[in-house]
Amino acid sequence: MDQTPHPPVTADVRARRPGPLKRLYLWVLHWAETPYGTPALAAISFAESSFFPIPPDVLQIALSISKPRRAFYYALVSAVASVAGSLLGWFIGFALWSTMGDLFTAYVPGLTQDRIDQVGRLYGDNAFLAIFCAAFSPIPYKVFTISAGVFSEFVSLPVLIAASLAGRSLRFLAVAAFIYLFGPRVKDLIDRYFELATLAFAVLLIGGFVVIKYLL
């Protein structure tokens, strides 16, 4: 019997383990390999509009690559479920924020009281354009859906739905068109450069807020 002691797990080995965000990303992605890919896409698109941190684009891409002829169908599923989820975000802001706001800011990435207040000022100027930009861009859409409920005096439900439908549809249809043009290379790039992509996402996030500020 081999009595050679095995070396302890080093810091380098631990560092190679995926972090919580990457593990969650992989969990989202695994649904593409199951019979429940489309329902999972709808559920994740719905949840991402109010609290879930991983954008549904990653699952939409994986599903579309496996069945390219359904790419625009998956875009439609993402858009409709995401807009439906915006109503949950609105309800959270309208009915729960005053009593449970601290809970959401503690556990929902990107959601802070300062950002809620900042979005409220944007809504006072042009609610439709602010929601449309957030729905289409990498800006955290959930911040805007929840803020719409907090500042419901500036954002009617028809405005929220119309702006969200326009922005989300354009975003997810753009993903479908991108897959149609470039195919499987899209997924390979995401798998290989996820950490870099999250850094780029953060840069775009900050830039998006600046752009909205000056557009309005």
N, C-alpha and C. Protein backbone atom coordinates (compact mmCIF):
# COMPACT_ATOMS: atom_id res chain seq x y z
N MET A 1 0.86 -1.20 0.00
CA MET A 1 0.00 0.00 0.00
C MET A 1 0.89 1.24 0.00
N ASP A 2 0.48 2.21 -0.79
CA ASP A 2 1.26 3.43 -0.89
C ASP A 2 1.05 4.28 0.36
N GLN A 3 2.12 4.47 1.16
CA GLN A 3 2.03 5.26 2.39
C GLN A 3 2.52 6.69 2.19
N THR A 4 2.78 7.06 0.92
CA THR A 4 3.29 8.40 0.67
C THR A 4 2.23 9.44 1.01
N PRO A 5 2.54 10.35 1.91
CA PRO A 5 1.53 11.37 2.28
C PRO A 5 1.25 12.30 1.11
N HIS A 6 0.00 12.64 0.97
CA HIS A 6 -0.38 13.58 -0.08
C HIS A 6 -0.17 15.00 0.42
N PRO A 7 0.32 15.86 -0.44
CA PRO A 7 0.54 17.25 -0.01
C PRO A 7 -0.78 17.95 0.28
N PRO A 8 -0.78 18.85 1.22
CA PRO A 8 -2.01 19.58 1.52
C PRO A 8 -2.43 20.46 0.35
N VAL A 9 -3.70 20.80 0.36
CA VAL A 9 -4.22 21.69 -0.67
C VAL A 9 -3.58 23.06 -0.49
N THR A 10 -2.92 23.53 -1.49
CA THR A 10 -2.21 24.80 -1.39
C THR A 10 -3.12 25.95 -1.75
N ALA A 11 -2.62 27.15 -1.48
CA ALA A 11 -3.39 28.36 -1.82
C ALA A 11 -3.57 28.46 -3.32
N ASP A 12 -2.55 27.98 -4.09
CA ASP A 12 -2.67 28.06 -5.55
C ASP A 12 -3.80 27.18 -6.06
N VAL A 13 -3.92 25.96 -5.45
CA VAL A 13 -5.00 25.06 -5.86
C VAL A 13 -6.35 25.66 -5.51
N ARG A 14 -6.44 26.22 -4.28
CA ARG A 14 -7.70 26.84 -3.89
C ARG A 14 -8.04 28.01 -4.79
N ALA A 15 -7.02 28.72 -5.23
CA ALA A 15 -7.26 29.90 -6.07
C ALA A 15 -7.83 29.50 -7.43
N ARG A 16 -7.55 28.24 -7.87
CA ARG A 16 -8.04 27.81 -9.16
C ARG A 16 -9.50 27.37 -9.12
N ARG A 17 -10.03 27.19 -7.92
CA ARG A 17 -11.43 26.82 -7.80
C ARG A 17 -12.31 28.00 -8.20
N PRO A 18 -13.39 27.73 -8.91
CA PRO A 18 -14.24 28.84 -9.33
C PRO A 18 -14.89 29.53 -8.13
N GLY A 19 -15.01 30.84 -8.23
CA GLY A 19 -15.65 31.59 -7.18
C GLY A 19 -17.15 31.44 -7.22
N PRO A 20 -17.86 32.03 -6.24
CA PRO A 20 -19.31 31.87 -6.18
C PRO A 20 -20.02 32.35 -7.44
N LEU A 21 -19.58 33.47 -8.00
CA LEU A 21 -20.24 34.00 -9.19
C LEU A 21 -20.04 33.08 -10.38
N LYS A 22 -18.82 32.53 -10.53
CA LYS A 22 -18.56 31.61 -11.64
C LYS A 22 -19.36 30.32 -11.46
N ARG A 23 -19.46 29.83 -10.22
CA ARG A 23 -20.25 28.62 -9.97
C ARG A 23 -21.72 28.86 -10.32
N LEU A 24 -22.22 30.03 -9.96
CA LEU A 24 -23.60 30.35 -10.30
C LEU A 24 -23.78 30.45 -11.81
N TYR A 25 -22.80 31.02 -12.47
CA TYR A 25 -22.80 31.10 -13.94
C TYR A 25 -22.85 29.70 -14.55
N LEU A 26 -22.04 28.78 -14.02
CA LEU A 26 -22.02 27.42 -14.54
C LEU A 26 -23.34 26.70 -14.27
N TRP A 27 -23.93 27.00 -13.12
CA TRP A 27 -25.24 26.42 -12.81
C TRP A 27 -26.29 26.88 -13.81
N VAL A 28 -26.28 28.16 -14.13
CA VAL A 28 -27.21 28.69 -15.15
C VAL A 28 -26.96 28.00 -16.48
N LEU A 29 -25.70 27.86 -16.84
CA LEU A 29 -25.35 27.31 -18.13
C LEU A 29 -25.73 25.84 -18.27
N HIS A 30 -25.71 25.10 -17.15
CA HIS A 30 -25.96 23.65 -17.25
C HIS A 30 -27.37 23.34 -17.70
N TRP A 31 -28.30 24.29 -17.54
CA TRP A 31 -29.68 24.03 -17.95
C TRP A 31 -29.80 23.83 -19.46
N ALA A 32 -28.83 24.31 -20.21
CA ALA A 32 -28.86 24.12 -21.66
C ALA A 32 -28.69 22.66 -22.02
N GLU A 33 -28.15 21.85 -21.11
CA GLU A 33 -27.92 20.44 -21.37
C GLU A 33 -29.02 19.56 -20.82
N THR A 34 -30.11 20.16 -20.39
CA THR A 34 -31.24 19.41 -19.83
C THR A 34 -32.48 19.63 -20.69
N PRO A 35 -33.52 18.84 -20.49
CA PRO A 35 -34.78 19.06 -21.23
C PRO A 35 -35.54 20.31 -20.77
N TYR A 36 -35.02 20.96 -19.74
CA TYR A 36 -35.74 22.09 -19.14
C TYR A 36 -35.08 23.43 -19.46
N GLY A 37 -34.36 23.48 -20.55
CA GLY A 37 -33.64 24.70 -20.90
C GLY A 37 -34.54 25.89 -21.10
N THR A 38 -35.64 25.71 -21.84
CA THR A 38 -36.53 26.84 -22.11
C THR A 38 -37.24 27.34 -20.85
N PRO A 39 -37.84 26.44 -20.01
CA PRO A 39 -38.41 26.94 -18.75
C PRO A 39 -37.38 27.60 -17.85
N ALA A 40 -36.16 27.05 -17.83
CA ALA A 40 -35.11 27.67 -17.00
C ALA A 40 -34.76 29.05 -17.53
N LEU A 41 -34.71 29.21 -18.85
CA LEU A 41 -34.44 30.51 -19.43
C LEU A 41 -35.51 31.52 -19.03
N ALA A 42 -36.77 31.09 -19.07
CA ALA A 42 -37.86 31.98 -18.67
C ALA A 42 -37.75 32.35 -17.19
N ALA A 43 -37.45 31.36 -16.34
CA ALA A 43 -37.36 31.63 -14.90
C ALA A 43 -36.20 32.56 -14.57
N ILE A 44 -35.05 32.33 -15.21
CA ILE A 44 -33.87 33.16 -14.93
C ILE A 44 -34.08 34.57 -15.47
N SER A 45 -34.69 34.69 -16.65
CA SER A 45 -34.99 36.02 -17.20
C SER A 45 -35.93 36.78 -16.28
N PHE A 46 -36.92 36.08 -15.75
CA PHE A 46 -37.87 36.69 -14.82
C PHE A 46 -37.16 37.15 -13.54
N ALA A 47 -36.35 36.26 -12.96
CA ALA A 47 -35.70 36.57 -11.68
C ALA A 47 -34.65 37.66 -11.81
N GLU A 48 -33.94 37.69 -12.95
CA GLU A 48 -32.86 38.67 -13.13
C GLU A 48 -33.39 40.10 -13.14
N SER A 49 -34.67 40.26 -13.41
CA SER A 49 -35.25 41.60 -13.46
C SER A 49 -35.45 42.22 -12.08
N SER A 50 -35.28 41.41 -11.02
CA SER A 50 -35.48 41.98 -9.69
C SER A 50 -34.40 41.59 -8.67
N PHE A 51 -33.75 40.42 -8.82
CA PHE A 51 -32.78 40.05 -7.78
C PHE A 51 -31.66 39.13 -8.26
N PHE A 52 -31.83 38.37 -9.31
CA PHE A 52 -30.84 37.36 -9.70
C PHE A 52 -29.65 38.02 -10.38
N PRO A 53 -28.39 37.65 -10.03
CA PRO A 53 -27.22 38.39 -10.53
C PRO A 53 -26.73 38.01 -11.92
N ILE A 54 -27.04 36.80 -12.41
CA ILE A 54 -26.50 36.36 -13.70
C ILE A 54 -27.49 36.72 -14.81
N PRO A 55 -27.05 37.43 -15.84
CA PRO A 55 -27.96 37.79 -16.93
C PRO A 55 -28.39 36.56 -17.72
N PRO A 56 -29.61 36.54 -18.22
CA PRO A 56 -30.10 35.37 -18.94
C PRO A 56 -29.42 35.16 -20.29
N ASP A 57 -28.68 36.16 -20.74
CA ASP A 57 -28.02 36.04 -22.05
C ASP A 57 -27.16 34.80 -22.17
N VAL A 58 -26.49 34.40 -21.06
CA VAL A 58 -25.56 33.28 -21.14
C VAL A 58 -26.30 31.98 -21.46
N LEU A 59 -27.46 31.77 -20.85
CA LEU A 59 -28.25 30.57 -21.15
C LEU A 59 -28.90 30.69 -22.52
N GLN A 60 -29.37 31.88 -22.86
CA GLN A 60 -29.94 32.09 -24.19
C GLN A 60 -28.92 31.75 -25.28
N ILE A 61 -27.67 32.16 -25.07
CA ILE A 61 -26.62 31.88 -26.04
C ILE A 61 -26.39 30.38 -26.18
N ALA A 62 -26.29 29.69 -25.03
CA ALA A 62 -26.03 28.25 -25.07
C ALA A 62 -27.17 27.50 -25.75
N LEU A 63 -28.41 27.85 -25.42
CA LEU A 63 -29.56 27.20 -26.05
C LEU A 63 -29.60 27.49 -27.55
N SER A 64 -29.31 28.72 -27.91
CA SER A 64 -29.38 29.11 -29.32
C SER A 64 -28.30 28.43 -30.15
N ILE A 65 -27.13 28.22 -29.55
CA ILE A 65 -26.06 27.53 -30.26
C ILE A 65 -26.43 26.07 -30.51
N SER A 66 -27.09 25.46 -29.52
CA SER A 66 -27.48 24.05 -29.69
C SER A 66 -28.61 23.90 -30.70
N LYS A 67 -29.46 24.93 -30.82
CA LYS A 67 -30.57 24.89 -31.78
C LYS A 67 -30.67 26.25 -32.46
N PRO A 68 -29.80 26.51 -33.44
CA PRO A 68 -29.73 27.84 -34.05
C PRO A 68 -31.05 28.31 -34.66
N ARG A 69 -31.86 27.39 -35.15
CA ARG A 69 -33.12 27.80 -35.77
C ARG A 69 -34.11 28.37 -34.76
N ARG A 70 -33.86 28.11 -33.47
CA ARG A 70 -34.74 28.62 -32.42
C ARG A 70 -34.15 29.84 -31.71
N ALA A 71 -33.08 30.41 -32.27
CA ALA A 71 -32.39 31.51 -31.60
C ALA A 71 -33.34 32.68 -31.32
N PHE A 72 -34.16 33.04 -32.29
CA PHE A 72 -35.04 34.19 -32.09
C PHE A 72 -36.24 33.82 -31.20
N TYR A 73 -36.59 32.55 -31.17
CA TYR A 73 -37.61 32.10 -30.22
C TYR A 73 -37.10 32.26 -28.79
N TYR A 74 -35.85 31.86 -28.55
CA TYR A 74 -35.27 32.02 -27.22
C TYR A 74 -35.16 33.50 -26.85
N ALA A 75 -34.89 34.35 -27.82
CA ALA A 75 -34.86 35.79 -27.56
C ALA A 75 -36.23 36.28 -27.11
N LEU A 76 -37.27 35.76 -27.74
CA LEU A 76 -38.64 36.14 -27.36
C LEU A 76 -38.96 35.68 -25.95
N VAL A 77 -38.57 34.46 -25.61
CA VAL A 77 -38.80 33.94 -24.25
C VAL A 77 -38.09 34.83 -23.23
N SER A 78 -36.84 35.17 -23.51
CA SER A 78 -36.08 36.02 -22.59
C SER A 78 -36.76 37.37 -22.40
N ALA A 79 -37.20 37.97 -23.51
CA ALA A 79 -37.77 39.31 -23.45
C ALA A 79 -39.09 39.32 -22.67
N VAL A 80 -39.98 38.39 -23.00
CA VAL A 80 -41.30 38.37 -22.36
C VAL A 80 -41.16 38.07 -20.86
N ALA A 81 -40.35 37.08 -20.51
CA ALA A 81 -40.17 36.74 -19.09
C ALA A 81 -39.49 37.87 -18.34
N SER A 82 -38.55 38.55 -18.97
CA SER A 82 -37.85 39.65 -18.32
C SER A 82 -38.79 40.82 -18.04
N VAL A 83 -39.65 41.13 -19.01
CA VAL A 83 -40.61 42.21 -18.80
C VAL A 83 -41.61 41.82 -17.71
N ALA A 84 -42.03 40.55 -17.70
CA ALA A 84 -42.91 40.10 -16.62
C ALA A 84 -42.21 40.24 -15.26
N GLY A 85 -40.91 39.93 -15.23
CA GLY A 85 -40.15 40.07 -14.00
C GLY A 85 -40.02 41.51 -13.54
N SER A 86 -40.09 42.44 -14.49
CA SER A 86 -40.00 43.85 -14.11
C SER A 86 -41.17 44.25 -13.21
N LEU A 87 -42.31 43.58 -13.37
CA LEU A 87 -43.47 43.87 -12.52
C LEU A 87 -43.21 43.43 -11.08
N LEU A 88 -42.47 42.32 -10.92
CA LEU A 88 -42.08 41.92 -9.57
C LEU A 88 -41.13 42.95 -8.97
N GLY A 89 -40.18 43.43 -9.78
CA GLY A 89 -39.28 44.49 -9.30
C GLY A 89 -40.06 45.72 -8.87
N TRP A 90 -41.04 46.11 -9.69
CA TRP A 90 -41.86 47.27 -9.36
C TRP A 90 -42.60 47.05 -8.04
N PHE A 91 -43.15 45.84 -7.86
CA PHE A 91 -43.89 45.54 -6.63
C PHE A 91 -42.96 45.60 -5.41
N ILE A 92 -41.74 45.07 -5.56
CA ILE A 92 -40.78 45.14 -4.45
C ILE A 92 -40.54 46.59 -4.05
N GLY A 93 -40.33 47.45 -5.04
CA GLY A 93 -40.11 48.85 -4.73
C GLY A 93 -41.33 49.54 -4.16
N PHE A 94 -42.48 49.22 -4.69
CA PHE A 94 -43.72 49.90 -4.30
C PHE A 94 -44.21 49.45 -2.92
N ALA A 95 -44.17 48.13 -2.66
CA ALA A 95 -44.81 47.61 -1.45
C ALA A 95 -43.83 47.19 -0.35
N LEU A 96 -42.60 46.88 -0.72
CA LEU A 96 -41.70 46.29 0.27
C LEU A 96 -40.48 47.13 0.61
N TRP A 97 -40.15 48.11 -0.23
CA TRP A 97 -38.88 48.80 -0.05
C TRP A 97 -38.80 49.55 1.28
N SER A 98 -39.88 50.16 1.71
CA SER A 98 -39.84 50.96 2.94
C SER A 98 -39.55 50.11 4.16
N THR A 99 -39.93 48.84 4.14
CA THR A 99 -39.74 47.98 5.31
C THR A 99 -38.62 46.95 5.11
N MET A 100 -38.30 46.60 3.86
CA MET A 100 -37.33 45.53 3.61
C MET A 100 -36.18 45.97 2.70
N GLY A 101 -36.04 47.28 2.50
CA GLY A 101 -34.99 47.78 1.62
C GLY A 101 -33.60 47.36 2.04
N ASP A 102 -33.35 47.34 3.36
CA ASP A 102 -32.02 46.96 3.85
C ASP A 102 -31.69 45.51 3.51
N LEU A 103 -32.69 44.65 3.50
CA LEU A 103 -32.47 43.25 3.16
C LEU A 103 -32.05 43.11 1.69
N PHE A 104 -32.71 43.85 0.81
CA PHE A 104 -32.39 43.77 -0.61
C PHE A 104 -31.01 44.37 -0.90
N THR A 105 -30.68 45.49 -0.28
CA THR A 105 -29.36 46.09 -0.53
C THR A 105 -28.24 45.22 0.01
N ALA A 106 -28.53 44.40 1.02
CA ALA A 106 -27.50 43.53 1.60
C ALA A 106 -27.22 42.32 0.73
N TYR A 107 -28.23 41.83 0.01
CA TYR A 107 -28.07 40.54 -0.67
C TYR A 107 -28.21 40.60 -2.19
N VAL A 108 -28.68 41.70 -2.74
CA VAL A 108 -28.83 41.79 -4.20
C VAL A 108 -27.66 42.59 -4.75
N PRO A 109 -26.78 41.97 -5.55
CA PRO A 109 -25.61 42.68 -6.09
C PRO A 109 -26.01 43.90 -6.92
N GLY A 110 -25.30 45.00 -6.71
CA GLY A 110 -25.54 46.21 -7.50
C GLY A 110 -26.68 47.07 -7.00
N LEU A 111 -27.41 46.60 -6.00
CA LEU A 111 -28.58 47.34 -5.52
C LEU A 111 -28.21 48.08 -4.24
N THR A 112 -28.15 49.40 -4.30
CA THR A 112 -27.85 50.22 -3.14
C THR A 112 -28.85 51.37 -3.06
N GLN A 113 -28.99 51.93 -1.87
CA GLN A 113 -29.92 53.05 -1.70
C GLN A 113 -29.47 54.24 -2.52
N ASP A 114 -28.17 54.46 -2.63
CA ASP A 114 -27.67 55.58 -3.42
C ASP A 114 -28.09 55.44 -4.88
N ARG A 115 -27.99 54.22 -5.42
CA ARG A 115 -28.38 54.02 -6.82
C ARG A 115 -29.89 54.17 -6.99
N ILE A 116 -30.66 53.70 -6.02
CA ILE A 116 -32.11 53.88 -6.08
C ILE A 116 -32.44 55.37 -6.14
N ASP A 117 -31.80 56.16 -5.28
CA ASP A 117 -32.05 57.59 -5.26
C ASP A 117 -31.61 58.26 -6.57
N GLN A 118 -30.47 57.81 -7.10
CA GLN A 118 -29.98 58.36 -8.36
C GLN A 118 -30.95 58.09 -9.50
N VAL A 119 -31.47 56.87 -9.55
CA VAL A 119 -32.44 56.53 -10.59
C VAL A 119 -33.73 57.32 -10.41
N GLY A 120 -34.12 57.55 -9.15
CA GLY A 120 -35.31 58.35 -8.90
C GLY A 120 -35.20 59.74 -9.50
N ARG A 121 -33.99 60.32 -9.45
CA ARG A 121 -33.80 61.64 -10.06
C ARG A 121 -33.91 61.56 -11.58
N LEU A 122 -33.43 60.47 -12.16
CA LEU A 122 -33.57 60.28 -13.61
C LEU A 122 -35.03 60.15 -14.00
N TYR A 123 -35.79 59.44 -13.18
CA TYR A 123 -37.21 59.26 -13.48
C TYR A 123 -37.97 60.58 -13.47
N GLY A 124 -37.53 61.48 -12.62
CA GLY A 124 -38.17 62.78 -12.59
C GLY A 124 -37.99 63.54 -13.88
N ASP A 125 -36.95 63.22 -14.66
CA ASP A 125 -36.68 63.90 -15.93
C ASP A 125 -37.31 63.16 -17.12
N ASN A 126 -37.00 61.86 -17.25
CA ASN A 126 -37.50 61.10 -18.40
C ASN A 126 -37.50 59.62 -18.05
N ALA A 127 -38.60 59.16 -17.51
CA ALA A 127 -38.67 57.78 -17.03
C ALA A 127 -38.54 56.77 -18.17
N PHE A 128 -39.20 57.03 -19.28
CA PHE A 128 -39.18 56.06 -20.39
C PHE A 128 -37.76 55.85 -20.89
N LEU A 129 -37.03 56.93 -21.13
CA LEU A 129 -35.68 56.82 -21.68
C LEU A 129 -34.75 56.14 -20.68
N ALA A 130 -34.89 56.46 -19.39
CA ALA A 130 -34.04 55.84 -18.38
C ALA A 130 -34.25 54.33 -18.33
N ILE A 131 -35.52 53.90 -18.34
CA ILE A 131 -35.81 52.46 -18.30
C ILE A 131 -35.35 51.78 -19.58
N PHE A 132 -35.58 52.42 -20.71
CA PHE A 132 -35.16 51.83 -21.99
C PHE A 132 -33.65 51.61 -22.01
N CYS A 133 -32.88 52.60 -21.60
CA CYS A 133 -31.42 52.47 -21.60
C CYS A 133 -30.97 51.35 -20.68
N ALA A 134 -31.59 51.25 -19.51
CA ALA A 134 -31.22 50.19 -18.57
C ALA A 134 -31.60 48.82 -19.11
N ALA A 135 -32.76 48.73 -19.77
CA ALA A 135 -33.22 47.45 -20.29
C ALA A 135 -32.35 46.95 -21.43
N PHE A 136 -31.76 47.85 -22.17
CA PHE A 136 -30.95 47.47 -23.33
C PHE A 136 -29.47 47.28 -23.01
N SER A 137 -28.98 48.03 -22.04
CA SER A 137 -27.53 48.11 -21.78
C SER A 137 -27.13 47.20 -20.63
N PRO A 138 -25.82 47.15 -20.29
CA PRO A 138 -25.38 46.36 -19.13
C PRO A 138 -25.71 46.98 -17.77
N ILE A 139 -26.34 48.14 -17.75
CA ILE A 139 -26.74 48.73 -16.48
C ILE A 139 -27.67 47.76 -15.75
N PRO A 140 -27.54 47.60 -14.42
CA PRO A 140 -28.39 46.63 -13.71
C PRO A 140 -29.87 46.98 -13.84
N TYR A 141 -30.56 46.20 -14.62
CA TYR A 141 -31.98 46.44 -14.89
C TYR A 141 -32.80 46.40 -13.61
N LYS A 142 -32.41 45.51 -12.67
CA LYS A 142 -33.16 45.36 -11.43
C LYS A 142 -33.19 46.65 -10.62
N VAL A 143 -32.12 47.44 -10.70
CA VAL A 143 -32.10 48.71 -9.98
C VAL A 143 -33.22 49.62 -10.49
N PHE A 144 -33.46 49.57 -11.79
CA PHE A 144 -34.45 50.45 -12.39
C PHE A 144 -35.87 49.93 -12.17
N THR A 145 -36.08 48.61 -12.19
CA THR A 145 -37.43 48.10 -11.97
C THR A 145 -37.87 48.34 -10.53
N ILE A 146 -36.95 48.11 -9.58
CA ILE A 146 -37.30 48.36 -8.18
C ILE A 146 -37.48 49.85 -7.93
N SER A 147 -36.61 50.66 -8.52
CA SER A 147 -36.75 52.12 -8.36
C SER A 147 -38.07 52.62 -8.93
N ALA A 148 -38.55 51.96 -10.00
CA ALA A 148 -39.82 52.37 -10.60
C ALA A 148 -40.95 52.25 -9.59
N GLY A 149 -40.89 51.22 -8.74
CA GLY A 149 -41.91 51.09 -7.70
C GLY A 149 -41.71 52.07 -6.56
N VAL A 150 -40.45 52.30 -6.20
CA VAL A 150 -40.16 53.27 -5.13
C VAL A 150 -40.65 54.66 -5.53
N PHE A 151 -40.41 55.02 -6.79
CA PHE A 151 -40.80 56.34 -7.31
C PHE A 151 -41.97 56.20 -8.28
N SER A 152 -43.00 55.50 -7.83
CA SER A 152 -44.15 55.22 -8.70
C SER A 152 -44.88 56.48 -9.14
N GLU A 153 -44.67 57.58 -8.42
CA GLU A 153 -45.30 58.84 -8.85
C GLU A 153 -44.73 59.34 -10.17
N PHE A 154 -43.53 58.88 -10.53
CA PHE A 154 -42.91 59.27 -11.79
C PHE A 154 -43.02 58.20 -12.87
N VAL A 155 -43.31 56.96 -12.47
CA VAL A 155 -43.28 55.84 -13.42
C VAL A 155 -44.60 55.07 -13.34
N SER A 156 -45.43 55.23 -14.34
CA SER A 156 -46.65 54.43 -14.40
C SER A 156 -46.32 53.04 -14.92
N LEU A 157 -47.16 52.08 -14.63
CA LEU A 157 -46.93 50.71 -15.11
C LEU A 157 -46.90 50.63 -16.65
N PRO A 158 -47.78 51.36 -17.37
CA PRO A 158 -47.67 51.32 -18.83
C PRO A 158 -46.31 51.81 -19.35
N VAL A 159 -45.74 52.84 -18.70
CA VAL A 159 -44.42 53.32 -19.12
C VAL A 159 -43.36 52.27 -18.83
N LEU A 160 -43.41 51.65 -17.65
CA LEU A 160 -42.46 50.60 -17.30
C LEU A 160 -42.52 49.45 -18.30
N ILE A 161 -43.73 49.01 -18.61
CA ILE A 161 -43.88 47.87 -19.52
C ILE A 161 -43.43 48.22 -20.93
N ALA A 162 -43.83 49.39 -21.42
CA ALA A 162 -43.48 49.77 -22.79
C ALA A 162 -41.98 49.95 -22.96
N ALA A 163 -41.34 50.67 -22.02
CA ALA A 163 -39.90 50.90 -22.13
C ALA A 163 -39.12 49.60 -21.94
N SER A 164 -39.58 48.76 -21.03
CA SER A 164 -38.91 47.48 -20.80
C SER A 164 -39.05 46.57 -22.01
N LEU A 165 -40.23 46.53 -22.59
CA LEU A 165 -40.45 45.68 -23.76
C LEU A 165 -39.58 46.11 -24.93
N ALA A 166 -39.46 47.42 -25.12
CA ALA A 166 -38.62 47.92 -26.21
C ALA A 166 -37.15 47.60 -25.96
N GLY A 167 -36.65 47.91 -24.77
CA GLY A 167 -35.24 47.71 -24.48
C GLY A 167 -34.84 46.25 -24.38
N ARG A 168 -35.63 45.46 -23.67
CA ARG A 168 -35.31 44.04 -23.52
C ARG A 168 -35.40 43.30 -24.86
N SER A 169 -36.42 43.62 -25.66
CA SER A 169 -36.56 42.95 -26.96
C SER A 169 -35.36 43.24 -27.84
N LEU A 170 -34.94 44.49 -27.91
CA LEU A 170 -33.77 44.84 -28.72
C LEU A 170 -32.52 44.14 -28.22
N ARG A 171 -32.35 44.08 -26.92
CA ARG A 171 -31.15 43.43 -26.34
C ARG A 171 -31.09 41.95 -26.71
N PHE A 172 -32.17 41.22 -26.44
CA PHE A 172 -32.14 39.78 -26.65
C PHE A 172 -32.19 39.41 -28.13
N LEU A 173 -32.85 40.23 -28.93
CA LEU A 173 -32.81 39.99 -30.38
C LEU A 173 -31.41 40.24 -30.92
N ALA A 174 -30.71 41.21 -30.34
CA ALA A 174 -29.32 41.45 -30.75
C ALA A 174 -28.45 40.24 -30.43
N VAL A 175 -28.68 39.61 -29.26
CA VAL A 175 -27.95 38.39 -28.92
C VAL A 175 -28.23 37.30 -29.94
N ALA A 176 -29.50 37.13 -30.31
CA ALA A 176 -29.87 36.12 -31.29
C ALA A 176 -29.20 36.39 -32.64
N ALA A 177 -29.20 37.65 -33.05
CA ALA A 177 -28.56 38.00 -34.31
C ALA A 177 -27.06 37.77 -34.26
N PHE A 178 -26.46 38.05 -33.11
CA PHE A 178 -25.02 37.84 -32.95
C PHE A 178 -24.66 36.36 -33.10
N ILE A 179 -25.48 35.49 -32.50
CA ILE A 179 -25.26 34.05 -32.64
C ILE A 179 -25.45 33.62 -34.09
N TYR A 180 -26.45 34.18 -34.73
CA TYR A 180 -26.70 33.83 -36.13
C TYR A 180 -25.48 34.17 -37.00
N LEU A 181 -24.81 35.27 -36.66
CA LEU A 181 -23.65 35.70 -37.46
C LEU A 181 -22.37 34.96 -37.09
N PHE A 182 -22.17 34.68 -35.79
CA PHE A 182 -20.87 34.18 -35.35
C PHE A 182 -20.90 32.76 -34.80
N GLY A 183 -22.07 32.23 -34.50
CA GLY A 183 -22.19 30.83 -34.12
C GLY A 183 -21.50 30.46 -32.83
N PRO A 184 -20.98 29.20 -32.75
CA PRO A 184 -20.44 28.65 -31.49
C PRO A 184 -19.28 29.44 -30.89
N ARG A 185 -18.62 30.27 -31.67
CA ARG A 185 -17.51 31.03 -31.12
C ARG A 185 -17.93 31.92 -29.96
N VAL A 186 -19.20 32.33 -29.94
CA VAL A 186 -19.69 33.18 -28.86
C VAL A 186 -19.57 32.47 -27.52
N LYS A 187 -20.02 31.23 -27.44
CA LYS A 187 -19.96 30.47 -26.18
C LYS A 187 -18.51 30.21 -25.77
N ASP A 188 -17.66 29.87 -26.73
CA ASP A 188 -16.25 29.62 -26.41
C ASP A 188 -15.60 30.84 -25.78
N LEU A 189 -15.90 32.02 -26.29
CA LEU A 189 -15.32 33.25 -25.75
C LEU A 189 -15.81 33.50 -24.33
N ILE A 190 -17.09 33.23 -24.07
CA ILE A 190 -17.62 33.43 -22.73
C ILE A 190 -16.96 32.46 -21.75
N ASP A 191 -16.85 31.18 -22.12
CA ASP A 191 -16.24 30.20 -21.23
C ASP A 191 -14.78 30.53 -20.94
N ARG A 192 -14.07 31.02 -21.94
CA ARG A 192 -12.63 31.24 -21.81
C ARG A 192 -12.31 32.54 -21.09
N TYR A 193 -13.15 33.54 -21.28
CA TYR A 193 -12.81 34.89 -20.78
C TYR A 193 -13.87 35.43 -19.83
N PHE A 194 -14.46 34.56 -19.01
CA PHE A 194 -15.54 35.01 -18.14
C PHE A 194 -15.07 36.08 -17.16
N GLU A 195 -13.92 35.83 -16.52
CA GLU A 195 -13.44 36.81 -15.54
C GLU A 195 -13.18 38.17 -16.20
N LEU A 196 -12.57 38.13 -17.38
CA LEU A 196 -12.32 39.37 -18.10
C LEU A 196 -13.64 40.03 -18.49
N ALA A 197 -14.62 39.21 -18.86
CA ALA A 197 -15.93 39.75 -19.25
C ALA A 197 -16.60 40.45 -18.07
N THR A 198 -16.45 39.87 -16.86
CA THR A 198 -17.07 40.52 -15.70
C THR A 198 -16.40 41.87 -15.41
N LEU A 199 -15.08 41.95 -15.64
CA LEU A 199 -14.39 43.22 -15.47
C LEU A 199 -14.90 44.24 -16.50
N ALA A 200 -15.02 43.80 -17.74
CA ALA A 200 -15.53 44.69 -18.78
C ALA A 200 -16.96 45.11 -18.47
N PHE A 201 -17.74 44.19 -17.92
CA PHE A 201 -19.11 44.51 -17.54
C PHE A 201 -19.14 45.62 -16.50
N ALA A 202 -18.23 45.55 -15.52
CA ALA A 202 -18.19 46.58 -14.49
C ALA A 202 -17.85 47.94 -15.10
N VAL A 203 -16.90 47.95 -16.04
CA VAL A 203 -16.54 49.20 -16.71
C VAL A 203 -17.73 49.75 -17.48
N LEU A 204 -18.42 48.87 -18.21
CA LEU A 204 -19.60 49.31 -18.95
C LEU A 204 -20.71 49.78 -18.01
N LEU A 205 -20.81 49.15 -16.86
CA LEU A 205 -21.80 49.55 -15.87
C LEU A 205 -21.61 50.99 -15.44
N ILE A 206 -20.37 51.30 -15.06
CA ILE A 206 -20.06 52.67 -14.63
C ILE A 206 -20.26 53.64 -15.78
N GLY A 207 -19.77 53.25 -16.96
CA GLY A 207 -19.94 54.12 -18.13
C GLY A 207 -21.38 54.32 -18.50
N GLY A 208 -22.19 53.29 -18.31
CA GLY A 208 -23.61 53.40 -18.64
C GLY A 208 -24.32 54.43 -17.78
N PHE A 209 -24.01 54.45 -16.49
CA PHE A 209 -24.61 55.46 -15.62
C PHE A 209 -24.20 56.87 -16.05
N VAL A 210 -22.95 57.02 -16.44
CA VAL A 210 -22.48 58.33 -16.90
C VAL A 210 -23.20 58.74 -18.18
N VAL A 211 -23.35 57.79 -19.10
CA VAL A 211 -24.03 58.09 -20.36
C VAL A 211 -25.46 58.52 -20.12
N ILE A 212 -26.18 57.76 -19.27
CA ILE A 212 -27.57 58.12 -18.98
C ILE A 212 -27.65 59.51 -18.35
N LYS A 213 -26.73 59.81 -17.45
CA LYS A 213 -26.74 61.12 -16.79
C LYS A 213 -26.64 62.25 -17.80
N TYR A 214 -25.77 62.09 -18.79
CA TYR A 214 -25.58 63.16 -19.77
C TYR A 214 -26.62 63.13 -20.88
N LEU A 215 -27.20 61.96 -21.16
CA LEU A 215 -28.28 61.90 -22.14
C LEU A 215 -29.51 62.64 -21.64
N LEU A 216 -29.74 62.52 -20.33
CA LEU A 216 -30.93 63.13 -19.80
C LEU A 216 -30.68 64.56 -19.34
